PDB file of N, CA and C in Angstrom:
ATOM      1  N   MET A   1      -5.215  50.884 -48.857  1.00  0.00           N
ATOM      2  CA  MET A   1      -5.126  51.696 -50.046  1.00  0.00           C
ATOM      3  C   MET A   1      -4.303  52.970 -49.770  1.00  0.00           C
ATOM      4  N   THR A   2      -4.451  53.527 -48.592  1.00  0.00           N
ATOM      5  CA  THR A   2      -3.704  54.734 -48.245  1.00  0.00           C
ATOM      6  C   THR A   2      -2.206  54.467 -48.229  1.00  0.00           C
ATOM      7  N   ILE A   3      -1.800  53.318 -47.731  1.00  0.00           N
ATOM      8  CA  ILE A   3      -0.380  52.967 -47.676  1.00  0.00           C
ATOM      9  C   ILE A   3       0.188  52.855 -49.089  1.00  0.00           C
ATOM     10  N   VAL A   4      -0.534  52.194 -49.970  1.00  0.00           N
ATOM     11  CA  VAL A   4      -0.085  52.040 -51.358  1.00  0.00           C
ATOM     12  C   VAL A   4       0.010  53.409 -52.036  1.00  0.00           C
ATOM     13  N   ALA A   5      -0.998  54.237 -51.852  1.00  0.00           N
ATOM     14  CA  ALA A   5      -1.001  55.563 -52.472  1.00  0.00           C
ATOM     15  C   ALA A   5       0.149  56.418 -51.942  1.00  0.00           C
ATOM     16  N   THR A   6       0.431  56.313 -50.651  1.00  0.00           N
ATOM     17  CA  THR A   6       1.535  57.084 -50.060  1.00  0.00           C
ATOM     18  C   THR A   6       2.858  56.679 -50.676  1.00  0.00           C
ATOM     19  N   HIS A   7       3.091  55.383 -50.825  1.00  0.00           N
ATOM     20  CA  HIS A   7       4.352  54.909 -51.401  1.00  0.00           C
ATOM     21  C   HIS A   7       4.472  55.280 -52.883  1.00  0.00           C
ATOM     22  N   LEU A   8       3.386  55.186 -53.628  1.00  0.00           N
ATOM     23  CA  LEU A   8       3.429  55.561 -55.045  1.00  0.00           C
ATOM     24  C   LEU A   8       3.677  57.059 -55.215  1.00  0.00           C
ATOM     25  N   LEU A   9       3.011  57.871 -54.418  1.00  0.00           N
ATOM     26  CA  LEU A   9       3.208  59.309 -54.501  1.00  0.00           C
ATOM     27  C   LEU A   9       4.627  59.689 -54.095  1.00  0.00           C
ATOM     28  N   THR A  10       5.161  59.056 -53.063  1.00  0.00           N
ATOM     29  CA  THR A  10       6.534  59.319 -52.635  1.00  0.00           C
ATOM     30  C   THR A  10       7.520  58.946 -53.739  1.00  0.00           C
ATOM     31  N   ALA A  11       7.321  57.806 -54.372  1.00  0.00           N
ATOM     32  CA  ALA A  11       8.207  57.385 -55.465  1.00  0.00           C
ATOM     33  C   ALA A  11       8.142  58.372 -56.630  1.00  0.00           C
ATOM     34  N   LEU A  12       6.968  58.849 -56.954  1.00  0.00           N
ATOM     35  CA  LEU A  12       6.813  59.813 -58.041  1.00  0.00           C
ATOM     36  C   LEU A  12       7.504  61.132 -57.706  1.00  0.00           C
ATOM     37  N   ILE A  13       7.320  61.615 -56.493  1.00  0.00           N
ATOM     38  CA  ILE A  13       7.968  62.873 -56.085  1.00  0.00           C
ATOM     39  C   ILE A  13       9.480  62.703 -56.100  1.00  0.00           C
ATOM     40  N   ASN A  14       9.982  61.591 -55.588  1.00  0.00           N
ATOM     41  CA  ASN A  14      11.430  61.345 -55.590  1.00  0.00           C
ATOM     42  C   ASN A  14      11.970  61.314 -57.011  1.00  0.00           C
ATOM     43  N   HIS A  15      11.248  60.692 -57.914  1.00  0.00           N
ATOM     44  CA  HIS A  15      11.677  60.628 -59.312  1.00  0.00           C
ATOM     45  C   HIS A  15      11.762  62.031 -59.904  1.00  0.00           C
ATOM     46  N   GLU A  16      10.754  62.853 -59.640  1.00  0.00           N
ATOM     47  CA  GLU A  16      10.745  64.212 -60.185  1.00  0.00           C
ATOM     48  C   GLU A  16      11.864  65.056 -59.596  1.00  0.00           C
ATOM     49  N   TYR A  17      12.149  64.897 -58.299  1.00  0.00           N
ATOM     50  CA  TYR A  17      13.281  65.601 -57.691  1.00  0.00           C
ATOM     51  C   TYR A  17      14.577  65.194 -58.374  1.00  0.00           C
ATOM     52  N   GLN A  18      14.748  63.887 -58.632  1.00  0.00           N
ATOM     53  CA  GLN A  18      15.965  63.409 -59.277  1.00  0.00           C
ATOM     54  C   GLN A  18      16.075  63.967 -60.694  1.00  0.00           C
ATOM     55  N   HIS A  19      14.967  63.998 -61.410  1.00  0.00           N
ATOM     56  CA  HIS A  19      14.972  64.531 -62.764  1.00  0.00           C
ATOM     57  C   HIS A  19      15.318  66.017 -62.747  1.00  0.00           C
ATOM     58  N   ASP A  20      14.736  66.749 -61.823  1.00  0.00           N
ATOM     59  CA  ASP A  20      15.021  68.172 -61.704  1.00  0.00           C
ATOM     60  C   ASP A  20      16.491  68.414 -61.378  1.00  0.00           C
ATOM     61  N   GLN A  21      17.059  67.595 -60.508  1.00  0.00           N
ATOM     62  CA  GLN A  21      18.477  67.721 -60.156  1.00  0.00           C
ATOM     63  C   GLN A  21      19.350  67.460 -61.380  1.00  0.00           C
ATOM     64  N   TRP A  22      19.025  66.449 -62.152  1.00  0.00           N
ATOM     65  CA  TRP A  22      19.804  66.118 -63.343  1.00  0.00           C
ATOM     66  C   TRP A  22      19.762  67.270 -64.349  1.00  0.00           C
ATOM     67  N   ILE A  23      18.573  67.825 -64.563  1.00  0.00           N
ATOM     68  CA  ILE A  23      18.444  68.958 -65.486  1.00  0.00           C
ATOM     69  C   ILE A  23      19.274  70.130 -64.982  1.00  0.00           C
ATOM     70  N   GLY A  24      19.233  70.395 -63.684  1.00  0.00           N
ATOM     71  CA  GLY A  24      20.026  71.474 -63.112  1.00  0.00           C
ATOM     72  C   GLY A  24      21.508  71.268 -63.318  1.00  0.00           C
ATOM     73  N   GLU A  25      21.973  70.020 -63.136  1.00  0.00           N
ATOM     74  CA  GLU A  25      23.390  69.728 -63.332  1.00  0.00           C
ATOM     75  C   GLU A  25      23.794  69.912 -64.792  1.00  0.00           C
ATOM     76  N   VAL A  26      22.928  69.498 -65.703  1.00  0.00           N
ATOM     77  CA  VAL A  26      23.226  69.647 -67.134  1.00  0.00           C
ATOM     78  C   VAL A  26      23.309  71.126 -67.497  1.00  0.00           C
ATOM     79  N   ARG A  27      22.413  71.941 -66.952  1.00  0.00           N
ATOM     80  CA  ARG A  27      22.425  73.373 -67.251  1.00  0.00           C
ATOM     81  C   ARG A  27      23.588  74.077 -66.564  1.00  0.00           C
ATOM     82  N   THR A  28      24.024  73.578 -65.423  1.00  0.00           N
ATOM     83  CA  THR A  28      25.091  74.226 -64.667  1.00  0.00           C
ATOM     84  C   THR A  28      26.425  74.129 -65.379  1.00  0.00           C
ATOM     85  N   GLU A  29      26.775  72.932 -65.838  1.00  0.00           N
ATOM     86  CA  GLU A  29      28.096  72.731 -66.437  1.00  0.00           C
ATOM     87  C   GLU A  29      28.312  73.584 -67.689  1.00  0.00           C
ATOM     88  N   PRO A  30      27.458  73.484 -68.717  1.00  0.00           N
ATOM     89  CA  PRO A  30      27.733  74.262 -69.917  1.00  0.00           C
ATOM     90  C   PRO A  30      27.425  75.757 -69.774  1.00  0.00           C
ATOM     91  N   LEU A  31      26.443  76.123 -68.946  1.00  0.00           N
ATOM     92  CA  LEU A  31      26.019  77.522 -68.863  1.00  0.00           C
ATOM     93  C   LEU A  31      26.624  78.275 -67.681  1.00  0.00           C
ATOM     94  N   GLY A  32      27.155  77.543 -66.702  1.00  0.00           N
ATOM     95  CA  GLY A  32      27.790  78.183 -65.559  1.00  0.00           C
ATOM     96  C   GLY A  32      26.844  78.748 -64.525  1.00  0.00           C
ATOM     97  N   HIS A  33      25.581  78.338 -64.542  1.00  0.00           N
ATOM     98  CA  HIS A  33      24.617  78.803 -63.542  1.00  0.00           C
ATOM     99  C   HIS A  33      24.728  77.955 -62.284  1.00  0.00           C
ATOM    100  N   ALA A  34      24.595  78.581 -61.136  1.00  0.00           N
ATOM    101  CA  ALA A  34      24.651  77.850 -59.867  1.00  0.00           C
ATOM    102  C   ALA A  34      23.345  77.096 -59.629  1.00  0.00           C
ATOM    103  N   LEU A  35      23.446  75.938 -58.985  1.00  0.00           N
ATOM    104  CA  LEU A  35      22.249  75.192 -58.613  1.00  0.00           C
ATOM    105  C   LEU A  35      21.524  75.916 -57.486  1.00  0.00           C
ATOM    106  N   PRO A  36      20.199  75.853 -57.453  1.00  0.00           N
ATOM    107  CA  PRO A  36      19.481  76.467 -56.336  1.00  0.00           C
ATOM    108  C   PRO A  36      19.781  75.709 -55.038  1.00  0.00           C
ATOM    109  N   THR A  37      19.589  76.384 -53.922  1.00  0.00           N
ATOM    110  CA  THR A  37      19.824  75.736 -52.635  1.00  0.00           C
ATOM    111  C   THR A  37      18.761  74.682 -52.374  1.00  0.00           C
ATOM    112  N   ASP A  38      19.089  73.736 -51.502  1.00  0.00           N
ATOM    113  CA  ASP A  38      18.130  72.690 -51.144  1.00  0.00           C
ATOM    114  C   ASP A  38      16.968  73.295 -50.356  1.00  0.00           C
ATOM    115  N   PRO A  39      15.781  72.708 -50.477  1.00  0.00           N
ATOM    116  CA  PRO A  39      14.637  73.202 -49.699  1.00  0.00           C
ATOM    117  C   PRO A  39      14.912  73.059 -48.208  1.00  0.00           C
ATOM    118  N   ASN A  40      14.400  73.977 -47.438  1.00  0.00           N
ATOM    119  CA  ASN A  40      14.571  73.943 -45.988  1.00  0.00           C
ATOM    120  C   ASN A  40      13.396  73.174 -45.386  1.00  0.00           C
ATOM    121  N   SER A  41      13.526  71.849 -45.341  1.00  0.00           N
ATOM    122  CA  SER A  41      12.454  70.998 -44.842  1.00  0.00           C
ATOM    123  C   SER A  41      13.045  69.773 -44.168  1.00  0.00           C
ATOM    124  N   GLY A  42      12.431  69.348 -43.091  1.00  0.00           N
ATOM    125  CA  GLY A  42      12.855  68.138 -42.416  1.00  0.00           C
ATOM    126  C   GLY A  42      12.448  66.874 -43.162  1.00  0.00           C
ATOM    127  N   ARG A  43      11.581  67.015 -44.135  1.00  0.00           N
ATOM    128  CA  ARG A  43      11.093  65.855 -44.885  1.00  0.00           C
ATOM    129  C   ARG A  43      11.817  65.637 -46.199  1.00  0.00           C
ATOM    130  N   VAL A  44      12.726  66.527 -46.539  1.00  0.00           N
ATOM    131  CA  VAL A  44      13.504  66.385 -47.767  1.00  0.00           C
ATOM    132  C   VAL A  44      14.958  66.182 -47.384  1.00  0.00           C
ATOM    133  N   ARG A  45      15.569  65.127 -47.917  1.00  0.00           N
ATOM    134  CA  ARG A  45      16.957  64.810 -47.623  1.00  0.00           C
ATOM    135  C   ARG A  45      17.713  64.543 -48.916  1.00  0.00           C
ATOM    136  N   ARG A  46      19.019  64.746 -48.862  1.00  0.00           N
ATOM    137  CA  ARG A  46      19.865  64.460 -50.015  1.00  0.00           C
ATOM    138  C   ARG A  46      20.520  63.101 -49.788  1.00  0.00           C
ATOM    139  N   ILE A  47      20.270  62.183 -50.721  1.00  0.00           N
ATOM    140  CA  ILE A  47      20.847  60.837 -50.665  1.00  0.00           C
ATOM    141  C   ILE A  47      21.532  60.582 -51.995  1.00  0.00           C
ATOM    142  N   ASP A  48      22.804  60.238 -51.952  1.00  0.00           N
ATOM    143  CA  ASP A  48      23.599  59.991 -53.160  1.00  0.00           C
ATOM    144  C   ASP A  48      23.515  61.157 -54.144  1.00  0.00           C
ATOM    145  N   GLY A  49      23.457  62.365 -53.616  1.00  0.00           N
ATOM    146  CA  GLY A  49      23.436  63.546 -54.474  1.00  0.00           C
ATOM    147  C   GLY A  49      22.057  63.958 -54.956  1.00  0.00           C
ATOM    148  N   TYR A  50      21.022  63.201 -54.593  1.00  0.00           N
ATOM    149  CA  TYR A  50      19.662  63.521 -55.065  1.00  0.00           C
ATOM    150  C   TYR A  50      18.748  63.841 -53.897  1.00  0.00           C
ATOM    151  N   LEU A  51      17.867  64.797 -54.107  1.00  0.00           N
ATOM    152  CA  LEU A  51      16.877  65.112 -53.099  1.00  0.00           C
ATOM    153  C   LEU A  51      15.803  64.042 -53.087  1.00  0.00           C
ATOM    154  N   THR A  52      15.424  63.577 -51.898  1.00  0.00           N
ATOM    155  CA  THR A  52      14.370  62.573 -51.765  1.00  0.00           C
ATOM    156  C   THR A  52      13.406  63.006 -50.673  1.00  0.00           C
ATOM    157  N   LEU A  53      12.168  62.592 -50.808  1.00  0.00           N
ATOM    158  CA  LEU A  53      11.125  62.900 -49.851  1.00  0.00           C
ATOM    159  C   LEU A  53      10.989  61.768 -48.853  1.00  0.00           C
ATOM    160  N   HIS A  54      10.952  62.107 -47.568  1.00  0.00           N
ATOM    161  CA  HIS A  54      10.743  61.135 -46.502  1.00  0.00           C
ATOM    162  C   HIS A  54       9.479  61.558 -45.753  1.00  0.00           C
ATOM    163  N   PRO A  55       8.318  61.044 -46.148  1.00  0.00           N
ATOM    164  CA  PRO A  55       7.057  61.516 -45.558  1.00  0.00           C
ATOM    165  C   PRO A  55       6.888  61.140 -44.097  1.00  0.00           C
ATOM    166  N   TYR A  56       7.621  60.147 -43.602  1.00  0.00           N
ATOM    167  CA  TYR A  56       7.448  59.706 -42.224  1.00  0.00           C
ATOM    168  C   TYR A  56       8.528  60.249 -41.308  1.00  0.00           C
ATOM    169  N   ALA A  57       9.324  61.209 -41.785  1.00  0.00           N
ATOM    170  CA  ALA A  57      10.428  61.757 -40.984  1.00  0.00           C
ATOM    171  C   ALA A  57       9.899  62.647 -39.880  1.00  0.00           C
TER     172      ALA A  57
END
């Protein structure tokens, strides 16, 4: 059960990071605001332009 919960939670967090990135990009282009810097964490990586969580890193 722990393995399933870990994978579901990771997928949910990754989805929310991707959604947040998309919203930031939409606000950046028309409004000219800079995107915030990436979090300083060994467990967060940028893949294909999106931040993703790697809990086993």
